[in-house]
Amino acid sequence: MDLMEKFLVVGLGNPGDKFIKTRHNAGFMCLEKINLDIPKKFGINIMYEKNLENKKIYFLKPMTYMNSSGEAVLEFINFYKIKTENILIIFDDISLPVGRIRIRLKGSHGGHNGMRNIIEMLETEKIKRIKIGVGNKPDNWDLDDWVLSKFSDEEMPELEKAIKNSIESIKLIIENKELQAMNLFN
């Protein structure tokens, strides 16, 4: 019998070399900065496992493309029997400047298609999330082109700060210190 409490941390992004270091892959970039073991496969998806005291933490990078992220998350939580309250999603947010993060314990998808699909597939908005600011779309840009554009060299230090704060937030949230994380980083 498995007595460890299980958590799932999902970093959202798109698979493939052409999407590396794009704004939409901020969730992937965050997971890549965590000191994780060798990746394993879960279907087509990439997963990592880590034990922390009496907790088993799974990290997931869905390889389904952003708009179908919920399918990978639903399959994963059903297989590993993870409670919805122990899921944390990390994704990009165009309403926040680069370098900022926002932690929420529930809420709508806010126009983010990956989060929209997760909410639809899990049939709840009560999903914890960390939004990583990727900057607002300039007036002369198409939204798809903006989120699929790469961060500039000038933006990278700010993005690194946001990822560092996101990783600290993940630790606090897994320790059930969500309010402390929100007070520190929101």
C-alpha atoms as a PDB file:
ATOM      1  CA  MET A   1       0.000   0.000   0.000  1.00  0.00           C
ATOM      2  CA  ASP A   2       1.374   3.405  -1.035  1.00  0.00           C
ATOM      3  CA  LEU A   3       1.221   5.751   1.975  1.00  0.00           C
ATOM      4  CA  MET A   4       3.007   8.657   0.316  1.00  0.00           C
ATOM      5  CA  GLU A   5       0.883  11.643  -0.606  1.00  0.00           C
ATOM      6  CA  LYS A   6       1.095  12.224  -4.375  1.00  0.00           C
ATOM      7  CA  PHE A   7       1.496  15.566  -6.146  1.00  0.00           C
ATOM      8  CA  LEU A   8       1.604  16.450  -9.817  1.00  0.00           C
ATOM      9  CA  VAL A   9       3.404  19.526 -11.146  1.00  0.00           C
ATOM     10  CA  VAL A  10       2.688  20.161 -14.836  1.00  0.00           C
ATOM     11  CA  GLY A  11       4.740  22.540 -16.956  1.00  0.00           C
ATOM     12  CA  LEU A  12       2.903  23.550 -20.129  1.00  0.00           C
ATOM     13  CA  GLY A  13       4.525  24.040 -23.511  1.00  0.00           C
ATOM     14  CA  ASN A  14       4.779  22.678 -27.029  1.00  0.00           C
ATOM     15  CA  PRO A  15       7.087  19.839 -28.084  1.00  0.00           C
ATOM     16  CA  GLY A  16       9.699  20.283 -30.785  1.00  0.00           C
ATOM     17  CA  ASP A  17      12.863  22.249 -31.388  1.00  0.00           C
ATOM     18  CA  LYS A  18      11.094  25.189 -33.036  1.00  0.00           C
ATOM     19  CA  PHE A  19       9.276  25.942 -29.754  1.00  0.00           C
ATOM     20  CA  ILE A  20      12.345  25.916 -27.473  1.00  0.00           C
ATOM     21  CA  LYS A  21      12.641  29.162 -25.466  1.00  0.00           C
ATOM     22  CA  THR A  22       9.368  30.562 -26.811  1.00  0.00           C
ATOM     23  CA  ARG A  23       6.966  32.438 -24.536  1.00  0.00           C
ATOM     24  CA  HIS A  24       4.397  29.640 -24.702  1.00  0.00           C
ATOM     25  CA  ASN A  25       7.005  27.214 -23.319  1.00  0.00           C
ATOM     26  CA  ALA A  26       7.575  29.051 -20.027  1.00  0.00           C
ATOM     27  CA  GLY A  27       6.102  26.062 -18.148  1.00  0.00           C
ATOM     28  CA  PHE A  28       8.548  23.657 -19.812  1.00  0.00           C
ATOM     29  CA  MET A  29      11.411  26.062 -19.108  1.00  0.00           C
ATOM     30  CA  CYS A  30      10.521  26.138 -15.417  1.00  0.00           C
ATOM     31  CA  LEU A  31      10.574  22.340 -15.086  1.00  0.00           C
ATOM     32  CA  GLU A  32      13.874  22.209 -16.958  1.00  0.00           C
ATOM     33  CA  LYS A  33      15.479  24.387 -14.239  1.00  0.00           C
ATOM     34  CA  ILE A  34      14.446  22.039 -11.422  1.00  0.00           C
ATOM     35  CA  ASN A  35      17.044  19.488 -10.394  1.00  0.00           C
ATOM     36  CA  LEU A  36      15.171  16.394 -11.599  1.00  0.00           C
ATOM     37  CA  ASP A  37      16.277  12.846 -12.275  1.00  0.00           C
ATOM     38  CA  ILE A  38      16.434  11.202 -15.672  1.00  0.00           C
ATOM     39  CA  PRO A  39      13.187  11.670 -17.601  1.00  0.00           C
ATOM     40  CA  LYS A  40      10.835   8.759 -18.189  1.00  0.00           C
ATOM     41  CA  LYS A  41       8.064   8.313 -20.711  1.00  0.00           C
ATOM     42  CA  PHE A  42       4.387   8.261 -19.834  1.00  0.00           C
ATOM     43  CA  GLY A  43       2.817   7.468 -23.182  1.00  0.00           C
ATOM     44  CA  ILE A  44       4.119  10.235 -25.435  1.00  0.00           C
ATOM     45  CA  ASN A  45       4.641  12.571 -22.462  1.00  0.00           C
ATOM     46  CA  ILE A  46       7.783  13.210 -20.415  1.00  0.00           C
ATOM     47  CA  MET A  47       7.660  12.679 -16.659  1.00  0.00           C
ATOM     48  CA  TYR A  48      10.008  12.856 -13.695  1.00  0.00           C
ATOM     49  CA  GLU A  49       9.612  11.557 -10.147  1.00  0.00           C
ATOM     50  CA  LYS A  50      10.984  12.901  -6.896  1.00  0.00           C
ATOM     51  CA  ASN A  51      10.461  11.855  -3.290  1.00  0.00           C
ATOM     52  CA  LEU A  52      10.349  14.575  -0.672  1.00  0.00           C
ATOM     53  CA  GLU A  53       9.947  13.297   2.900  1.00  0.00           C
ATOM     54  CA  ASN A  54       6.541  11.530   2.847  1.00  0.00           C
ATOM     55  CA  LYS A  55       5.524  12.935  -0.538  1.00  0.00           C
ATOM     56  CA  LYS A  56       5.845  11.557  -4.048  1.00  0.00           C
ATOM     57  CA  ILE A  57       6.058  14.388  -6.588  1.00  0.00           C
ATOM     58  CA  TYR A  58       5.526  13.791 -10.260  1.00  0.00           C
ATOM     59  CA  PHE A  59       6.533  16.379 -12.844  1.00  0.00           C
ATOM     60  CA  LEU A  60       4.907  16.206 -16.276  1.00  0.00           C
ATOM     61  CA  LYS A  61       5.666  17.846 -19.614  1.00  0.00           C
ATOM     62  CA  PRO A  62       2.712  17.044 -21.898  1.00  0.00           C
ATOM     63  CA  MET A  63       3.850  16.348 -25.451  1.00  0.00           C
ATOM     64  CA  THR A  64       0.309  16.703 -26.796  1.00  0.00           C
ATOM     65  CA  TYR A  65       0.755  20.344 -27.865  1.00  0.00           C
ATOM     66  CA  MET A  66      -0.649  23.119 -25.728  1.00  0.00           C
ATOM     67  CA  ASN A  67      -4.320  22.931 -26.748  1.00  0.00           C
ATOM     68  CA  SER A  68      -4.581  19.247 -25.736  1.00  0.00           C
ATOM     69  CA  SER A  69      -2.684  19.451 -22.427  1.00  0.00           C
ATOM     70  CA  GLY A  70      -5.753  18.358 -20.463  1.00  0.00           C
ATOM     71  CA  GLU A  71      -5.787  14.960 -22.137  1.00  0.00           C
ATOM     72  CA  ALA A  72      -2.279  14.188 -20.844  1.00  0.00           C
ATOM     73  CA  VAL A  73      -3.083  15.518 -17.351  1.00  0.00           C
ATOM     74  CA  LEU A  74      -6.330  13.522 -17.073  1.00  0.00           C
ATOM     75  CA  GLU A  75      -4.674  10.302 -18.224  1.00  0.00           C
ATOM     76  CA  PHE A  76      -1.819  10.846 -15.747  1.00  0.00           C
ATOM     77  CA  ILE A  77      -3.954  11.582 -12.674  1.00  0.00           C
ATOM     78  CA  ASN A  78      -6.265   8.653 -13.429  1.00  0.00           C
ATOM     79  CA  PHE A  79      -3.311   6.273 -13.760  1.00  0.00           C
ATOM     80  CA  TYR A  80      -1.439   7.475 -10.648  1.00  0.00           C
ATOM     81  CA  LYS A  81      -4.590   8.259  -8.600  1.00  0.00           C
ATOM     82  CA  ILE A  82      -3.687  11.878  -7.852  1.00  0.00           C
ATOM     83  CA  LYS A  83      -6.262  14.124  -6.209  1.00  0.00           C
ATOM     84  CA  THR A  84      -7.197  17.313  -8.055  1.00  0.00           C
ATOM     85  CA  GLU A  85      -6.195  19.431  -5.029  1.00  0.00           C
ATOM     86  CA  ASN A  86      -2.645  18.072  -5.429  1.00  0.00           C
ATOM     87  CA  ILE A  87      -2.201  19.316  -9.006  1.00  0.00           C
ATOM     88  CA  LEU A  88      -0.190  22.431  -9.861  1.00  0.00           C
ATOM     89  CA  ILE A  89      -0.021  23.829 -13.413  1.00  0.00           C
ATOM     90  CA  ILE A  90       2.740  26.199 -14.565  1.00  0.00           C
ATOM     91  CA  PHE A  91       2.127  28.216 -17.712  1.00  0.00           C
ATOM     92  CA  ASP A  92       2.721  31.484 -19.541  1.00  0.00           C
ATOM     93  CA  ASP A  93       0.582  34.594 -19.044  1.00  0.00           C
ATOM     94  CA  ILE A  94       0.585  37.531 -21.471  1.00  0.00           C
ATOM     95  CA  SER A  95      -1.153  39.816 -18.963  1.00  0.00           C
ATOM     96  CA  LEU A  96       1.926  39.811 -16.704  1.00  0.00           C
ATOM     97  CA  PRO A  97       5.212  41.529 -17.528  1.00  0.00           C
ATOM     98  CA  VAL A  98       8.263  39.323 -18.019  1.00  0.00           C
ATOM     99  CA  GLY A  99       9.759  38.610 -14.601  1.00  0.00           C
ATOM    100  CA  ARG A 100       6.472  38.534 -12.675  1.00  0.00           C
ATOM    101  CA  ILE A 101       4.570  35.489 -11.510  1.00  0.00           C
ATOM    102  CA  ARG A 102       1.067  35.096 -10.136  1.00  0.00           C
ATOM    103  CA  ILE A 103      -0.103  32.188  -8.002  1.00  0.00           C
ATOM    104  CA  ARG A 104      -3.777  31.248  -7.963  1.00  0.00           C
ATOM    105  CA  LEU A 105      -5.540  28.405  -6.170  1.00  0.00           C
ATOM    106  CA  LYS A 106      -8.428  28.315  -8.657  1.00  0.00           C
ATOM    107  CA  GLY A 107      -9.998  30.349 -11.440  1.00  0.00           C
ATOM    108  CA  SER A 108     -10.917  30.469 -15.082  1.00  0.00           C
ATOM    109  CA  HIS A 109      -8.551  29.728 -17.950  1.00  0.00           C
ATOM    110  CA  GLY A 110      -8.141  33.455 -18.642  1.00  0.00           C
ATOM    111  CA  GLY A 111      -7.974  32.831 -22.396  1.00  0.00           C
ATOM    112  CA  HIS A 112      -5.079  30.343 -22.142  1.00  0.00           C
ATOM    113  CA  ASN A 113      -5.925  27.369 -24.355  1.00  0.00           C
ATOM    114  CA  GLY A 114      -3.785  24.861 -22.461  1.00  0.00           C
ATOM    115  CA  MET A 115      -5.441  25.778 -19.167  1.00  0.00           C
ATOM    116  CA  ARG A 116      -8.849  25.816 -20.887  1.00  0.00           C
ATOM    117  CA  ASN A 117      -8.361  22.205 -22.000  1.00  0.00           C
ATOM    118  CA  ILE A 118      -7.192  21.129 -18.523  1.00  0.00           C
ATOM    119  CA  ILE A 119     -10.241  22.737 -16.867  1.00  0.00           C
ATOM    120  CA  GLU A 120     -12.556  21.090 -19.430  1.00  0.00           C
ATOM    121  CA  MET A 121     -10.975  17.649 -19.060  1.00  0.00           C
ATOM    122  CA  LEU A 122     -10.830  17.734 -15.233  1.00  0.00           C
ATOM    123  CA  GLU A 123     -14.258  19.429 -15.031  1.00  0.00           C
ATOM    124  CA  THR A 124     -13.152  21.899 -12.365  1.00  0.00           C
ATOM    125  CA  GLU A 125     -11.616  25.367 -12.037  1.00  0.00           C
ATOM    126  CA  LYS A 126     -10.205  24.432  -8.607  1.00  0.00           C
ATOM    127  CA  ILE A 127      -6.724  23.802  -9.922  1.00  0.00           C
ATOM    128  CA  LYS A 128      -3.662  25.480  -8.434  1.00  0.00           C
ATOM    129  CA  ARG A 129      -1.504  27.369 -10.895  1.00  0.00           C
ATOM    130  CA  ILE A 130       1.580  29.500 -11.285  1.00  0.00           C
ATOM    131  CA  LYS A 131       1.422  31.941 -14.161  1.00  0.00           C
ATOM    132  CA  ILE A 132       4.751  33.142 -15.535  1.00  0.00           C
ATOM    133  CA  GLY A 133       4.659  36.579 -17.117  1.00  0.00           C
ATOM    134  CA  VAL A 134       5.759  36.640 -20.750  1.00  0.00           C
ATOM    135  CA  GLY A 135       4.819  40.229 -21.543  1.00  0.00           C
ATOM    136  CA  ASN A 136       1.807  41.765 -23.211  1.00  0.00           C
ATOM    137  CA  LYS A 137       1.415  41.359 -26.957  1.00  0.00           C
ATOM    138  CA  PRO A 138       2.523  44.471 -28.850  1.00  0.00           C
ATOM    139  CA  ASP A 139      -0.255  46.141 -30.862  1.00  0.00           C
ATOM    140  CA  ASN A 140       1.225  45.195 -34.223  1.00  0.00           C
ATOM    141  CA  TRP A 141       1.599  41.468 -33.356  1.00  0.00           C
ATOM    142  CA  ASP A 142      -0.781  38.571 -33.858  1.00  0.00           C
ATOM    143  CA  LEU A 143      -1.357  36.715 -30.543  1.00  0.00           C
ATOM    144  CA  ASP A 144      -0.198  33.338 -31.915  1.00  0.00           C
ATOM    145  CA  ASP A 145       2.967  34.891 -33.316  1.00  0.00           C
ATOM    146  CA  TRP A 146       3.646  36.622 -29.983  1.00  0.00           C
ATOM    147  CA  VAL A 147       3.336  33.537 -27.747  1.00  0.00           C
ATOM    148  CA  LEU A 148       5.400  31.502 -30.217  1.00  0.00           C
ATOM    149  CA  SER A 149       8.163  34.143 -30.352  1.00  0.00           C
ATOM    150  CA  LYS A 150      11.408  33.693 -28.431  1.00  0.00           C
ATOM    151  CA  PHE A 151      12.361  35.823 -25.442  1.00  0.00           C
ATOM    152  CA  SER A 152      14.853  38.580 -26.245  1.00  0.00           C
ATOM    153  CA  ASP A 153      18.319  38.608 -24.674  1.00  0.00           C
ATOM    154  CA  GLU A 154      17.207  41.626 -22.601  1.00  0.00           C
ATOM    155  CA  GLU A 155      14.198  39.696 -21.238  1.00  0.00           C
ATOM    156  CA  MET A 156      16.121  36.559 -20.226  1.00  0.00           C
ATOM    157  CA  PRO A 157      17.393  37.812 -16.807  1.00  0.00           C
ATOM    158  CA  GLU A 158      13.832  38.768 -15.852  1.00  0.00           C
ATOM    159  CA  LEU A 159      12.496  35.421 -17.069  1.00  0.00           C
ATOM    160  CA  GLU A 160      15.190  33.610 -15.038  1.00  0.00           C
ATOM    161  CA  LYS A 161      14.042  35.541 -11.949  1.00  0.00           C
ATOM    162  CA  ALA A 162      10.427  34.503 -12.572  1.00  0.00           C
ATOM    163  CA  ILE A 163      11.442  30.866 -13.010  1.00  0.00           C
ATOM    164  CA  LYS A 164      13.498  30.962  -9.782  1.00  0.00           C
ATOM    165  CA  ASN A 165      10.487  32.425  -7.924  1.00  0.00           C
ATOM    166  CA  SER A 166       8.221  29.805  -9.511  1.00  0.00           C
ATOM    167  CA  ILE A 167      10.464  26.989  -8.277  1.00  0.00           C
ATOM    168  CA  GLU A 168      10.419  28.447  -4.749  1.00  0.00           C
ATOM    169  CA  SER A 169       6.627  28.679  -5.019  1.00  0.00           C
ATOM    170  CA  ILE A 170       6.348  25.037  -6.110  1.00  0.00           C
ATOM    171  CA  LYS A 171       8.205  23.957  -2.956  1.00  0.00           C
ATOM    172  CA  LEU A 172       5.957  26.046  -0.706  1.00  0.00           C
ATOM    173  CA  ILE A 173       2.751  24.857  -2.412  1.00  0.00           C
ATOM    174  CA  ILE A 174       3.771  21.205  -2.045  1.00  0.00           C
ATOM    175  CA  GLU A 175       4.345  21.931   1.676  1.00  0.00           C
ATOM    176  CA  ASN A 176       0.753  23.299   1.841  1.00  0.00           C
ATOM    177  CA  LYS A 177       2.052  26.864   2.276  1.00  0.00           C
ATOM    178  CA  GLU A 178       0.106  28.367  -0.631  1.00  0.00           C
ATOM    179  CA  LEU A 179      -0.681  31.624   1.161  1.00  0.00           C
ATOM    180  CA  GLN A 180       2.965  32.129   2.062  1.00  0.00           C
ATOM    181  CA  ALA A 181       3.913  31.610  -1.592  1.00  0.00           C
ATOM    182  CA  MET A 182       1.240  34.091  -2.695  1.00  0.00           C
ATOM    183  CA  ASN A 183       2.364  36.674  -0.135  1.00  0.00           C
ATOM    184  CA  LEU A 184       6.001  36.335  -1.197  1.00  0.00           C
ATOM    185  CA  PHE A 185       5.629  36.281  -4.965  1.00  0.00           C
ATOM    186  CA  ASN A 186       2.266  37.710  -6.115  1.00  0.00           C
END
